[in-house]
Amino acid sequence: MATRTVHRETSTQSTQKKSPPVRMTSRGSVTLPSVIRERLPEDVLFDVVSREDGVIELHPKIAVNPSQAWFYSKRWQQMEREADEDIAAGRVERFEDGEDFLAALEAEDALLRAEGR
């Protein structure tokens, strides 16, 4: 079956859980708890943000293959959100095969042309 809307799997939002405290050594090394490390790729870099309220945030910088960078653009992510909303709202059509899918596209194109769009 083919669908007309691009579908991607989305990860569920994780709830924030407090992890064990970490210590910074005299050389500035910090070891993240294993429950955090398990969720990250090896050799990940972090942006460090020191907020005015004293909170220090680590933001992982996950490397993206340049050939796939388009997927992470703001425009594409907005289109992914719209596709997810369409799927959740049932605004999708399913087809038995590619021929049925192409026939539906041709019918829709003919209708739009007749309406002058």
PDB file of N, CA and C in Angstrom:
ATOM      1  N   MET A   1       0.821  -1.182   0.000  1.00  0.00           N
ATOM      2  CA  MET A   1       0.000   0.000   0.000  1.00  0.00           C
ATOM      3  C   MET A   1       0.867   1.248   0.000  1.00  0.00           C
ATOM      4  N   ALA A   2       0.492   2.249  -0.756  1.00  0.00           N
ATOM      5  CA  ALA A   2       1.217   3.518  -0.768  1.00  0.00           C
ATOM      6  C   ALA A   2       0.365   4.577  -0.089  1.00  0.00           C
ATOM      7  N   THR A   3       0.996   5.550   0.537  1.00  0.00           N
ATOM      8  CA  THR A   3       0.267   6.668   1.118  1.00  0.00           C
ATOM      9  C   THR A   3       0.717   7.944   0.450  1.00  0.00           C
ATOM     10  N   ARG A   4      -0.098   8.961   0.525  1.00  0.00           N
ATOM     11  CA  ARG A   4       0.218  10.222  -0.129  1.00  0.00           C
ATOM     12  C   ARG A   4       0.950  11.180   0.794  1.00  0.00           C
ATOM     13  N   THR A   5       0.971  10.923   2.062  1.00  0.00           N
ATOM     14  CA  THR A   5       1.633  11.808   3.014  1.00  0.00           C
ATOM     15  C   THR A   5       2.898  11.143   3.507  1.00  0.00           C
ATOM     16  N   VAL A   6       3.988  11.912   3.554  1.00  0.00           N
ATOM     17  CA  VAL A   6       5.252  11.378   4.062  1.00  0.00           C
ATOM     18  C   VAL A   6       5.070  11.059   5.535  1.00  0.00           C
ATOM     19  N   HIS A   7       5.514   9.875   5.944  1.00  0.00           N
ATOM     20  CA  HIS A   7       5.368   9.459   7.332  1.00  0.00           C
ATOM     21  C   HIS A   7       6.729   9.146   7.905  1.00  0.00           C
ATOM     22  N   ARG A   8       6.969   9.597   9.110  1.00  0.00           N
ATOM     23  CA  ARG A   8       8.185   9.261   9.804  1.00  0.00           C
ATOM     24  C   ARG A   8       7.828   8.911  11.227  1.00  0.00           C
ATOM     25  N   GLU A   9       8.619   8.081  11.822  1.00  0.00           N
ATOM     26  CA  GLU A   9       8.394   7.733  13.211  1.00  0.00           C
ATOM     27  C   GLU A   9       8.914   8.860  14.081  1.00  0.00           C
ATOM     28  N   THR A  10       8.174   9.168  15.121  1.00  0.00           N
ATOM     29  CA  THR A  10       8.621  10.194  16.051  1.00  0.00           C
ATOM     30  C   THR A  10       8.873   9.539  17.392  1.00  0.00           C
ATOM     31  N   SER A  11       9.883  10.020  18.057  1.00  0.00           N
ATOM     32  CA  SER A  11      10.161   9.488  19.385  1.00  0.00           C
ATOM     33  C   SER A  11       9.246  10.171  20.382  1.00  0.00           C
ATOM     34  N   THR A  12       8.887   9.461  21.412  1.00  0.00           N
ATOM     35  CA  THR A  12       8.037  10.048  22.437  1.00  0.00           C
ATOM     36  C   THR A  12       8.863  10.990  23.291  1.00  0.00           C
ATOM     37  N   GLN A  13       8.209  12.003  23.773  1.00  0.00           N
ATOM     38  CA  GLN A  13       8.899  12.951  24.642  1.00  0.00           C
ATOM     39  C   GLN A  13       9.255  12.248  25.940  1.00  0.00           C
ATOM     40  N   SER A  14      10.505  12.348  26.336  1.00  0.00           N
ATOM     41  CA  SER A  14      10.913  11.723  27.585  1.00  0.00           C
ATOM     42  C   SER A  14      10.656  12.686  28.737  1.00  0.00           C
ATOM     43  N   THR A  15      10.310  12.118  29.864  1.00  0.00           N
ATOM     44  CA  THR A  15      10.117  12.956  31.037  1.00  0.00           C
ATOM     45  C   THR A  15      11.472  13.199  31.665  1.00  0.00           C
ATOM     46  N   GLN A  16      11.621  14.345  32.269  1.00  0.00           N
ATOM     47  CA  GLN A  16      12.894  14.668  32.894  1.00  0.00           C
ATOM     48  C   GLN A  16      13.019  13.898  34.196  1.00  0.00           C
ATOM     49  N   LYS A  17      14.098  13.189  34.332  1.00  0.00           N
ATOM     50  CA  LYS A  17      14.394  12.457  35.554  1.00  0.00           C
ATOM     51  C   LYS A  17      15.703  12.986  36.109  1.00  0.00           C
ATOM     52  N   LYS A  18      15.749  13.102  37.413  1.00  0.00           N
ATOM     53  CA  LYS A  18      16.968  13.587  38.048  1.00  0.00           C
ATOM     54  C   LYS A  18      17.987  12.455  38.057  1.00  0.00           C
ATOM     55  N   SER A  19      19.175  12.731  37.545  1.00  0.00           N
ATOM     56  CA  SER A  19      20.236  11.728  37.536  1.00  0.00           C
ATOM     57  C   SER A  19      21.139  11.960  38.741  1.00  0.00           C
ATOM     58  N   PRO A  20      21.984  10.982  39.040  1.00  0.00           N
ATOM     59  CA  PRO A  20      22.889  11.141  40.186  1.00  0.00           C
ATOM     60  C   PRO A  20      23.810  12.348  39.984  1.00  0.00           C
ATOM     61  N   PRO A  21      24.286  12.951  41.066  1.00  0.00           N
ATOM     62  CA  PRO A  21      25.196  14.098  40.923  1.00  0.00           C
ATOM     63  C   PRO A  21      26.511  13.684  40.266  1.00  0.00           C
ATOM     64  N   VAL A  22      27.129  14.630  39.590  1.00  0.00           N
ATOM     65  CA  VAL A  22      28.427  14.389  38.957  1.00  0.00           C
ATOM     66  C   VAL A  22      29.452  15.322  39.588  1.00  0.00           C
ATOM     67  N   ARG A  23      30.697  14.962  39.468  1.00  0.00           N
ATOM     68  CA  ARG A  23      31.777  15.765  40.036  1.00  0.00           C
ATOM     69  C   ARG A  23      32.693  16.226  38.910  1.00  0.00           C
ATOM     70  N   MET A  24      33.149  17.452  39.031  1.00  0.00           N
ATOM     71  CA  MET A  24      34.144  17.961  38.101  1.00  0.00           C
ATOM     72  C   MET A  24      35.503  17.840  38.780  1.00  0.00           C
ATOM     73  N   THR A  25      36.442  17.233  38.083  1.00  0.00           N
ATOM     74  CA  THR A  25      37.784  17.068  38.643  1.00  0.00           C
ATOM     75  C   THR A  25      38.567  18.376  38.528  1.00  0.00           C
ATOM     76  N   SER A  26      39.736  18.411  39.139  1.00  0.00           N
ATOM     77  CA  SER A  26      40.580  19.606  39.079  1.00  0.00           C
ATOM     78  C   SER A  26      41.021  19.915  37.649  1.00  0.00           C
ATOM     79  N   ARG A  27      40.968  18.903  36.781  1.00  0.00           N
ATOM     80  CA  ARG A  27      41.330  19.106  35.366  1.00  0.00           C
ATOM     81  C   ARG A  27      40.114  19.449  34.510  1.00  0.00           C
ATOM     82  N   GLY A  28      38.948  19.572  35.142  1.00  0.00           N
ATOM     83  CA  GLY A  28      37.742  19.963  34.413  1.00  0.00           C
ATOM     84  C   GLY A  28      36.967  18.807  33.815  1.00  0.00           C
ATOM     85  N   SER A  29      37.354  17.570  34.092  1.00  0.00           N
ATOM     86  CA  SER A  29      36.648  16.417  33.544  1.00  0.00           C
ATOM     87  C   SER A  29      35.364  16.151  34.318  1.00  0.00           C
ATOM     88  N   VAL A  30      34.328  15.810  33.572  1.00  0.00           N
ATOM     89  CA  VAL A  30      33.041  15.437  34.156  1.00  0.00           C
ATOM     90  C   VAL A  30      32.625  14.124  33.508  1.00  0.00           C
ATOM     91  N   THR A  31      32.209  13.158  34.309  1.00  0.00           N
ATOM     92  CA  THR A  31      31.713  11.896  33.776  1.00  0.00           C
ATOM     93  C   THR A  31      30.198  11.889  33.903  1.00  0.00           C
ATOM     94  N   LEU A  32      29.529  11.763  32.768  1.00  0.00           N
ATOM     95  CA  LEU A  32      28.073  11.727  32.786  1.00  0.00           C
ATOM     96  C   LEU A  32      27.596  10.363  33.271  1.00  0.00           C
ATOM     97  N   PRO A  33      26.478  10.313  33.985  1.00  0.00           N
ATOM     98  CA  PRO A  33      25.935   9.026  34.435  1.00  0.00           C
ATOM     99  C   PRO A  33      25.620   8.121  33.244  1.00  0.00           C
ATOM    100  N   SER A  34      25.719   6.815  33.458  1.00  0.00           N
ATOM    101  CA  SER A  34      25.503   5.857  32.368  1.00  0.00           C
ATOM    102  C   SER A  34      24.112   5.980  31.758  1.00  0.00           C
ATOM    103  N   VAL A  35      23.098   6.328  32.552  1.00  0.00           N
ATOM    104  CA  VAL A  35      21.742   6.458  31.996  1.00  0.00           C
ATOM    105  C   VAL A  35      21.674   7.590  30.976  1.00  0.00           C
ATOM    106  N   ILE A  36      22.536   8.579  31.119  1.00  0.00           N
ATOM    107  CA  ILE A  36      22.609   9.670  30.141  1.00  0.00           C
ATOM    108  C   ILE A  36      23.459   9.243  28.950  1.00  0.00           C
ATOM    109  N   ARG A  37      24.621   8.652  29.224  1.00  0.00           N
ATOM    110  CA  ARG A  37      25.532   8.234  28.149  1.00  0.00           C
ATOM    111  C   ARG A  37      24.883   7.236  27.211  1.00  0.00           C
ATOM    112  N   GLU A  38      24.032   6.361  27.731  1.00  0.00           N
ATOM    113  CA  GLU A  38      23.390   5.331  26.892  1.00  0.00           C
ATOM    114  C   GLU A  38      22.510   5.939  25.815  1.00  0.00           C
ATOM    115  N   ARG A  39      22.058   7.156  26.033  1.00  0.00           N
ATOM    116  CA  ARG A  39      21.167   7.804  25.079  1.00  0.00           C
ATOM    117  C   ARG A  39      21.904   8.620  24.026  1.00  0.00           C
ATOM    118  N   LEU A  40      23.231   8.650  24.109  1.00  0.00           N
ATOM    119  CA  LEU A  40      24.033   9.472  23.205  1.00  0.00           C
ATOM    120  C   LEU A  40      25.010   8.617  22.412  1.00  0.00           C
ATOM    121  N   PRO A  41      25.369   9.078  21.213  1.00  0.00           N
ATOM    122  CA  PRO A  41      26.416   8.376  20.472  1.00  0.00           C
ATOM    123  C   PRO A  41      27.772   8.597  21.138  1.00  0.00           C
ATOM    124  N   GLU A  42      28.722   7.749  20.800  1.00  0.00           N
ATOM    125  CA  GLU A  42      30.070   7.921  21.349  1.00  0.00           C
ATOM    126  C   GLU A  42      30.720   9.169  20.759  1.00  0.00           C
ATOM    127  N   ASP A  43      31.653   9.733  21.497  1.00  0.00           N
ATOM    128  CA  ASP A  43      32.437  10.892  21.052  1.00  0.00           C
ATOM    129  C   ASP A  43      31.581  12.088  20.657  1.00  0.00           C
ATOM    130  N   VAL A  44      30.506  12.312  21.369  1.00  0.00           N
ATOM    131  CA  VAL A  44      29.650  13.456  21.072  1.00  0.00           C
ATOM    132  C   VAL A  44      30.249  14.721  21.684  1.00  0.00           C
ATOM    133  N   LEU A  45      30.105  15.823  20.976  1.00  0.00           N
ATOM    134  CA  LEU A  45      30.526  17.128  21.473  1.00  0.00           C
ATOM    135  C   LEU A  45      29.318  17.820  22.094  1.00  0.00           C
ATOM    136  N   PHE A  46      29.577  18.725  23.036  1.00  0.00           N
ATOM    137  CA  PHE A  46      28.511  19.467  23.681  1.00  0.00           C
ATOM    138  C   PHE A  46      28.761  20.956  23.574  1.00  0.00           C
ATOM    139  N   ASP A  47      27.693  21.719  23.374  1.00  0.00           N
ATOM    140  CA  ASP A  47      27.736  23.154  23.598  1.00  0.00           C
ATOM    141  C   ASP A  47      27.434  23.331  25.078  1.00  0.00           C
ATOM    142  N   VAL A  48      28.180  24.203  25.745  1.00  0.00           N
ATOM    143  CA  VAL A  48      27.970  24.464  27.164  1.00  0.00           C
ATOM    144  C   VAL A  48      27.384  25.865  27.304  1.00  0.00           C
ATOM    145  N   VAL A  49      26.249  25.948  27.976  1.00  0.00           N
ATOM    146  CA  VAL A  49      25.583  27.227  28.191  1.00  0.00           C
ATOM    147  C   VAL A  49      25.548  27.492  29.688  1.00  0.00           C
ATOM    148  N   SER A  50      26.119  28.613  30.082  1.00  0.00           N
ATOM    149  CA  SER A  50      26.093  29.026  31.475  1.00  0.00           C
ATOM    150  C   SER A  50      25.056  30.130  31.603  1.00  0.00           C
ATOM    151  N   ARG A  51      23.918  29.795  32.207  1.00  0.00           N
ATOM    152  CA  ARG A  51      22.818  30.747  32.313  1.00  0.00           C
ATOM    153  C   ARG A  51      23.045  31.727  33.463  1.00  0.00           C
ATOM    154  N   GLU A  52      22.366  32.849  33.402  1.00  0.00           N
ATOM    155  CA  GLU A  52      22.500  33.876  34.444  1.00  0.00           C
ATOM    156  C   GLU A  52      22.020  33.379  35.805  1.00  0.00           C
ATOM    157  N   ASP A  53      21.094  32.392  35.795  1.00  0.00           N
ATOM    158  CA  ASP A  53      20.583  31.888  37.076  1.00  0.00           C
ATOM    159  C   ASP A  53      21.497  30.838  37.692  1.00  0.00           C
ATOM    160  N   GLY A  54      22.684  30.633  37.099  1.00  0.00           N
ATOM    161  CA  GLY A  54      23.659  29.695  37.644  1.00  0.00           C
ATOM    162  C   GLY A  54      23.565  28.288  37.099  1.00  0.00           C
ATOM    163  N   VAL A  55      22.544  27.995  36.308  1.00  0.00           N
ATOM    164  CA  VAL A  55      22.386  26.660  35.732  1.00  0.00           C
ATOM    165  C   VAL A  55      23.347  26.510  34.560  1.00  0.00           C
ATOM    166  N   ILE A  56      24.008  25.365  34.502  1.00  0.00           N
ATOM    167  CA  ILE A  56      24.897  25.049  33.385  1.00  0.00           C
ATOM    168  C   ILE A  56      24.224  23.960  32.567  1.00  0.00           C
ATOM    169  N   GLU A  57      24.032  24.229  31.291  1.00  0.00           N
ATOM    170  CA  GLU A  57      23.361  23.282  30.398  1.00  0.00           C
ATOM    171  C   GLU A  57      24.365  22.690  29.425  1.00  0.00           C
ATOM    172  N   LEU A  58      24.234  21.396  29.163  1.00  0.00           N
ATOM    173  CA  LEU A  58      25.011  20.722  28.126  1.00  0.00           C
ATOM    174  C   LEU A  58      24.063  20.381  26.987  1.00  0.00           C
ATOM    175  N   HIS A  59      24.373  20.870  25.806  1.00  0.00           N
ATOM    176  CA  HIS A  59      23.550  20.609  24.627  1.00  0.00           C
ATOM    177  C   HIS A  59      24.364  19.748  23.655  1.00  0.00           C
ATOM    178  N   PRO A  60      23.990  18.481  23.488  1.00  0.00           N
ATOM    179  CA  PRO A  60      24.766  17.629  22.578  1.00  0.00           C
ATOM    180  C   PRO A  60      24.689  18.123  21.144  1.00  0.00           C
ATOM    181  N   LYS A  61      25.814  18.068  20.476  1.00  0.00           N
ATOM    182  CA  LYS A  61      25.889  18.417  19.054  1.00  0.00           C
ATOM    183  C   LYS A  61      26.063  17.111  18.299  1.00  0.00           C
ATOM    184  N   ILE A  62      24.969  16.589  17.820  1.00  0.00           N
ATOM    185  CA  ILE A  62      24.976  15.323  17.101  1.00  0.00           C
ATOM    186  C   ILE A  62      25.334  15.613  15.645  1.00  0.00           C
ATOM    187  N   ALA A  63      26.386  14.988  15.170  1.00  0.00           N
ATOM    188  CA  ALA A  63      26.823  15.196  13.784  1.00  0.00           C
ATOM    189  C   ALA A  63      25.777  14.623  12.825  1.00  0.00           C
ATOM    190  N   VAL A  64      25.521  15.362  11.773  1.00  0.00           N
ATOM    191  CA  VAL A  64      24.563  14.945  10.757  1.00  0.00           C
ATOM    192  C   VAL A  64      25.315  14.760   9.453  1.00  0.00           C
ATOM    193  N   ASN A  65      25.072  13.643   8.809  1.00  0.00           N
ATOM    194  CA  ASN A  65      25.647  13.396   7.500  1.00  0.00           C
ATOM    195  C   ASN A  65      25.205  14.535   6.571  1.00  0.00           C
ATOM    196  N   PRO A  66      26.139  15.226   5.914  1.00  0.00           N
ATOM    197  CA  PRO A  66      25.766  16.362   5.061  1.00  0.00           C
ATOM    198  C   PRO A  66      24.722  16.016   3.998  1.00  0.00           C
ATOM    199  N   SER A  67      24.707  14.784   3.537  1.00  0.00           N
ATOM    200  CA  SER A  67      23.721  14.404   2.519  1.00  0.00           C
ATOM    201  C   SER A  67      22.311  14.317   3.099  1.00  0.00           C
ATOM    202  N   GLN A  68      22.196  14.345   4.437  1.00  0.00           N
ATOM    203  CA  GLN A  68      20.880  14.259   5.068  1.00  0.00           C
ATOM    204  C   GLN A  68      20.533  15.528   5.850  1.00  0.00           C
ATOM    205  N   ALA A  69      21.331  16.559   5.722  1.00  0.00           N
ATOM    206  CA  ALA A  69      21.116  17.789   6.477  1.00  0.00           C
ATOM    207  C   ALA A  69      19.793  18.458   6.119  1.00  0.00           C
ATOM    208  N   TRP A  70      19.315  18.290   4.888  1.00  0.00           N
ATOM    209  CA  TRP A  70      18.051  18.894   4.465  1.00  0.00           C
ATOM    210  C   TRP A  70      16.911  18.500   5.401  1.00  0.00           C
ATOM    211  N   PHE A  71      16.948  17.270   5.921  1.00  0.00           N
ATOM    212  CA  PHE A  71      15.868  16.780   6.774  1.00  0.00           C
ATOM    213  C   PHE A  71      15.748  17.603   8.045  1.00  0.00           C
ATOM    214  N   TYR A  72      16.853  18.166   8.526  1.00  0.00           N
ATOM    215  CA  TYR A  72      16.862  18.897   9.783  1.00  0.00           C
ATOM    216  C   TYR A  72      16.674  20.396   9.614  1.00  0.00           C
ATOM    217  N   SER A  73      16.441  20.838   8.385  1.00  0.00           N
ATOM    218  CA  SER A  73      16.201  22.263   8.165  1.00  0.00           C
ATOM    219  C   SER A  73      14.870  22.655   8.804  1.00  0.00           C
ATOM    220  N   LYS A  74      14.724  23.931   9.178  1.00  0.00           N
ATOM    221  CA  LYS A  74      13.482  24.394   9.805  1.00  0.00           C
ATOM    222  C   LYS A  74      12.290  24.142   8.894  1.00  0.00           C
ATOM    223  N   ARG A  75      12.470  24.416   7.612  1.00  0.00           N
ATOM    224  CA  ARG A  75      11.373  24.233   6.657  1.00  0.00           C
ATOM    225  C   ARG A  75      10.930  22.780   6.609  1.00  0.00           C
ATOM    226  N   TRP A  76      11.888  21.863   6.504  1.00  0.00           N
ATOM    227  CA  TRP A  76      11.523  20.457   6.389  1.00  0.00           C
ATOM    228  C   TRP A  76      10.890  19.948   7.685  1.00  0.00           C
ATOM    229  N   GLN A  77      11.412  20.383   8.824  1.00  0.00           N
ATOM    230  CA  GLN A  77      10.836  19.954  10.098  1.00  0.00           C
ATOM    231  C   GLN A  77       9.400  20.466  10.243  1.00  0.00           C
ATOM    232  N   GLN A  78       9.121  21.679   9.751  1.00  0.00           N
ATOM    233  CA  GLN A  78       7.752  22.185   9.767  1.00  0.00           C
ATOM    234  C   GLN A  78       6.858  21.298   8.901  1.00  0.00           C
ATOM    235  N   MET A  79       7.339  20.907   7.730  1.00  0.00           N
ATOM    236  CA  MET A  79       6.554  20.029   6.862  1.00  0.00           C
ATOM    237  C   MET A  79       6.345  18.662   7.524  1.00  0.00           C
ATOM    238  N   GLU A  80       7.321  18.171   8.255  1.00  0.00           N
ATOM    239  CA  GLU A  80       7.173  16.897   8.976  1.00  0.00           C
ATOM    240  C   GLU A  80       6.086  17.015  10.049  1.00  0.00           C
ATOM    241  N   ARG A  81       6.073  18.142  10.770  1.00  0.00           N
ATOM    242  CA  ARG A  81       5.035  18.352  11.779  1.00  0.00           C
ATOM    243  C   ARG A  81       3.655  18.385  11.132  1.00  0.00           C
ATOM    244  N   GLU A  82       3.543  19.066   9.980  1.00  0.00           N
ATOM    245  CA  GLU A  82       2.272  19.118   9.264  1.00  0.00           C
ATOM    246  C   GLU A  82       1.850  17.723   8.816  1.00  0.00           C
ATOM    247  N   ALA A  83       2.787  16.929   8.336  1.00  0.00           N
ATOM    248  CA  ALA A  83       2.468  15.556   7.915  1.00  0.00           C
ATOM    249  C   ALA A  83       2.001  14.734   9.108  1.00  0.00           C
ATOM    250  N   ASP A  84       2.674  14.882  10.247  1.00  0.00           N
ATOM    251  CA  ASP A  84       2.262  14.166  11.456  1.00  0.00           C
ATOM    252  C   ASP A  84       0.842  14.554  11.862  1.00  0.00           C
ATOM    253  N   GLU A  85       0.523  15.857  11.763  1.00  0.00           N
ATOM    254  CA  GLU A  85      -0.826  16.321  12.092  1.00  0.00           C
ATOM    255  C   GLU A  85      -1.847  15.731  11.134  1.00  0.00           C
ATOM    256  N   ASP A  86      -1.515  15.684   9.841  1.00  0.00           N
ATOM    257  CA  ASP A  86      -2.425  15.087   8.859  1.00  0.00           C
ATOM    258  C   ASP A  86      -2.675  13.616   9.167  1.00  0.00           C
ATOM    259  N   ILE A  87      -1.631  12.903   9.508  1.00  0.00           N
ATOM    260  CA  ILE A  87      -1.772  11.479   9.825  1.00  0.00           C
ATOM    261  C   ILE A  87      -2.641  11.311  11.071  1.00  0.00           C
ATOM    262  N   ALA A  88      -2.373  12.106  12.104  1.00  0.00           N
ATOM    263  CA  ALA A  88      -3.140  12.002  13.349  1.00  0.00           C
ATOM    264  C   ALA A  88      -4.613  12.336  13.124  1.00  0.00           C
ATOM    265  N   ALA A  89      -4.888  13.284  12.218  1.00  0.00           N
ATOM    266  CA  ALA A  89      -6.267  13.700  11.947  1.00  0.00           C
ATOM    267  C   ALA A  89      -6.953  12.805  10.914  1.00  0.00           C
ATOM    268  N   GLY A  90      -6.229  11.835  10.379  1.00  0.00           N
ATOM    269  CA  GLY A  90      -6.825  10.926   9.394  1.00  0.00           C
ATOM    270  C   GLY A  90      -6.916  11.509   7.996  1.00  0.00           C
ATOM    271  N   ARG A  91      -6.180  12.587   7.728  1.00  0.00           N
ATOM    272  CA  ARG A  91      -6.201  13.202   6.398  1.00  0.00           C
ATOM    273  C   ARG A  91      -5.179  12.526   5.482  1.00  0.00           C
ATOM    274  N   VAL A  92      -5.345  11.236   5.308  1.00  0.00           N
ATOM    275  CA  VAL A  92      -4.473  10.453   4.431  1.00  0.00           C
ATOM    276  C   VAL A  92      -5.340   9.513   3.613  1.00  0.00           C
ATOM    277  N   GLU A  93      -4.815   9.067   2.515  1.00  0.00           N
ATOM    278  CA  GLU A  93      -5.491   8.074   1.685  1.00  0.00           C
ATOM    279  C   GLU A  93      -4.553   6.888   1.512  1.00  0.00           C
ATOM    280  N   ARG A  94      -5.113   5.711   1.502  1.00  0.00           N
ATOM    281  CA  ARG A  94      -4.318   4.498   1.281  1.00  0.00           C
ATOM    282  C   ARG A  94      -4.720   3.888  -0.058  1.00  0.00           C
ATOM    283  N   PHE A  95      -3.742   3.286  -0.707  1.00  0.00           N
ATOM    284  CA  PHE A  95      -3.967   2.695  -2.021  1.00  0.00           C
ATOM    285  C   PHE A  95      -3.446   1.273  -2.038  1.00  0.00           C
ATOM    286  N   GLU A  96      -4.104   0.446  -2.827  1.00  0.00           N
ATOM    287  CA  GLU A  96      -3.716  -0.962  -2.916  1.00  0.00           C
ATOM    288  C   GLU A  96      -2.375  -1.138  -3.615  1.00  0.00           C
ATOM    289  N   ASP A  97      -2.097  -0.254  -4.576  1.00  0.00           N
ATOM    290  CA  ASP A  97      -0.841  -0.387  -5.314  1.00  0.00           C
ATOM    291  C   ASP A  97      -0.472   0.952  -5.938  1.00  0.00           C
ATOM    292  N   GLY A  98       0.671   0.975  -6.584  1.00  0.00           N
ATOM    293  CA  GLY A  98       1.164   2.197  -7.203  1.00  0.00           C
ATOM    294  C   GLY A  98       0.275   2.718  -8.309  1.00  0.00           C
ATOM    295  N   GLU A  99      -0.342   1.815  -9.059  1.00  0.00           N
ATOM    296  CA  GLU A  99      -1.222   2.239 -10.146  1.00  0.00           C
ATOM    297  C   GLU A  99      -2.424   3.007  -9.610  1.00  0.00           C
ATOM    298  N   ASP A 100      -3.022   2.506  -8.520  1.00  0.00           N
ATOM    299  CA  ASP A 100      -4.155   3.209  -7.913  1.00  0.00           C
ATOM    300  C   ASP A 100      -3.724   4.579  -7.397  1.00  0.00           C
ATOM    301  N   PHE A 101      -2.535   4.641  -6.824  1.00  0.00           N
ATOM    302  CA  PHE A 101      -1.995   5.899  -6.318  1.00  0.00           C
ATOM    303  C   PHE A 101      -1.832   6.906  -7.457  1.00  0.00           C
ATOM    304  N   LEU A 102      -1.209   6.477  -8.561  1.00  0.00           N
ATOM    305  CA  LEU A 102      -1.003   7.383  -9.699  1.00  0.00           C
ATOM    306  C   LEU A 102      -2.327   7.800 -10.325  1.00  0.00           C
ATOM    307  N   ALA A 103      -3.292   6.903 -10.382  1.00  0.00           N
ATOM    308  CA  ALA A 103      -4.609   7.242 -10.929  1.00  0.00           C
ATOM    309  C   ALA A 103      -5.279   8.316 -10.071  1.00  0.00           C
ATOM    310  N   ALA A 104      -5.148   8.216  -8.750  1.00  0.00           N
ATOM    311  CA  ALA A 104      -5.729   9.219  -7.856  1.00  0.00           C
ATOM    312  C   ALA A 104      -5.040  10.573  -8.052  1.00  0.00           C
ATOM    313  N   LEU A 105      -3.731  10.563  -8.233  1.00  0.00           N
ATOM    314  CA  LEU A 105      -3.005  11.812  -8.487  1.00  0.00           C
ATOM    315  C   LEU A 105      -3.464  12.451  -9.788  1.00  0.00           C
ATOM    316  N   GLU A 106      -3.613  11.633 -10.822  1.00  0.00           N
ATOM    317  CA  GLU A 106      -4.060  12.161 -12.118  1.00  0.00           C
ATOM    318  C   GLU A 106      -5.472  12.728 -12.017  1.00  0.00           C
ATOM    319  N   ALA A 107      -6.352  12.052 -11.273  1.00  0.00           N
ATOM    320  CA  ALA A 107      -7.722  12.542 -11.098  1.00  0.00           C
ATOM    321  C   ALA A 107      -7.728  13.866 -10.342  1.00  0.00           C
ATOM    322  N   GLU A 108      -6.915  13.973  -9.314  1.00  0.00           N
ATOM    323  CA  GLU A 108      -6.832  15.219  -8.544  1.00  0.00           C
ATOM    324  C   GLU A 108      -6.258  16.340  -9.408  1.00  0.00           C
ATOM    325  N   ASP A 109      -5.243  16.022 -10.207  1.00  0.00           N
ATOM    326  CA  ASP A 109      -4.663  17.015 -11.116  1.00  0.00           C
ATOM    327  C   ASP A 109      -5.697  17.503 -12.109  1.00  0.00           C
ATOM    328  N   ALA A 110      -6.488  16.598 -12.664  1.00  0.00           N
ATOM    329  CA  ALA A 110      -7.517  16.984 -13.633  1.00  0.00           C
ATOM    330  C   ALA A 110      -8.558  17.878 -12.973  1.00  0.00           C
ATOM    331  N   LEU A 111      -8.929  17.568 -11.721  1.00  0.00           N
ATOM    332  CA  LEU A 111      -9.899  18.374 -11.001  1.00  0.00           C
ATOM    333  C   LEU A 111      -9.353  19.785 -10.738  1.00  0.00           C
ATOM    334  N   LEU A 112      -8.104  19.875 -10.341  1.00  0.00           N
ATOM    335  CA  LEU A 112      -7.494  21.174 -10.090  1.00  0.00           C
ATOM    336  C   LEU A 112      -7.375  21.991 -11.369  1.00  0.00           C
ATOM    337  N   ARG A 113      -7.047  21.335 -12.470  1.00  0.00           N
ATOM    338  CA  ARG A 113      -6.946  22.050 -13.748  1.00  0.00           C
ATOM    339  C   ARG A 113      -8.312  22.563 -14.185  1.00  0.00           C
ATOM    340  N   ALA A 114      -9.344  21.762 -13.953  1.00  0.00           N
ATOM    341  CA  ALA A 114     -10.699  22.180 -14.319  1.00  0.00           C
ATOM    342  C   ALA A 114     -11.138  23.385 -13.488  1.00  0.00           C
ATOM    343  N   GLU A 115     -10.652  23.456 -12.247  1.00  0.00           N
ATOM    344  CA  GLU A 115     -10.976  24.594 -11.390  1.00  0.00           C
ATOM    345  C   GLU A 115     -10.078  25.796 -11.670  1.00  0.00           C
ATOM    346  N   GLY A 116      -9.101  25.630 -12.563  1.00  0.00           N
ATOM    347  CA  GLY A 116      -8.219  26.721 -12.925  1.00  0.00           C
ATOM    348  C   GLY A 116      -7.081  26.954 -11.949  1.00  0.00           C
ATOM    349  N   ARG A 117      -6.745  25.949 -11.159  1.00  0.00           N
ATOM    350  CA  ARG A 117      -5.638  26.099 -10.199  1.00  0.00           C
ATOM    351  C   ARG A 117      -4.360  25.587 -10.747  1.00  0.00           C
TER     352      ARG A 117
END
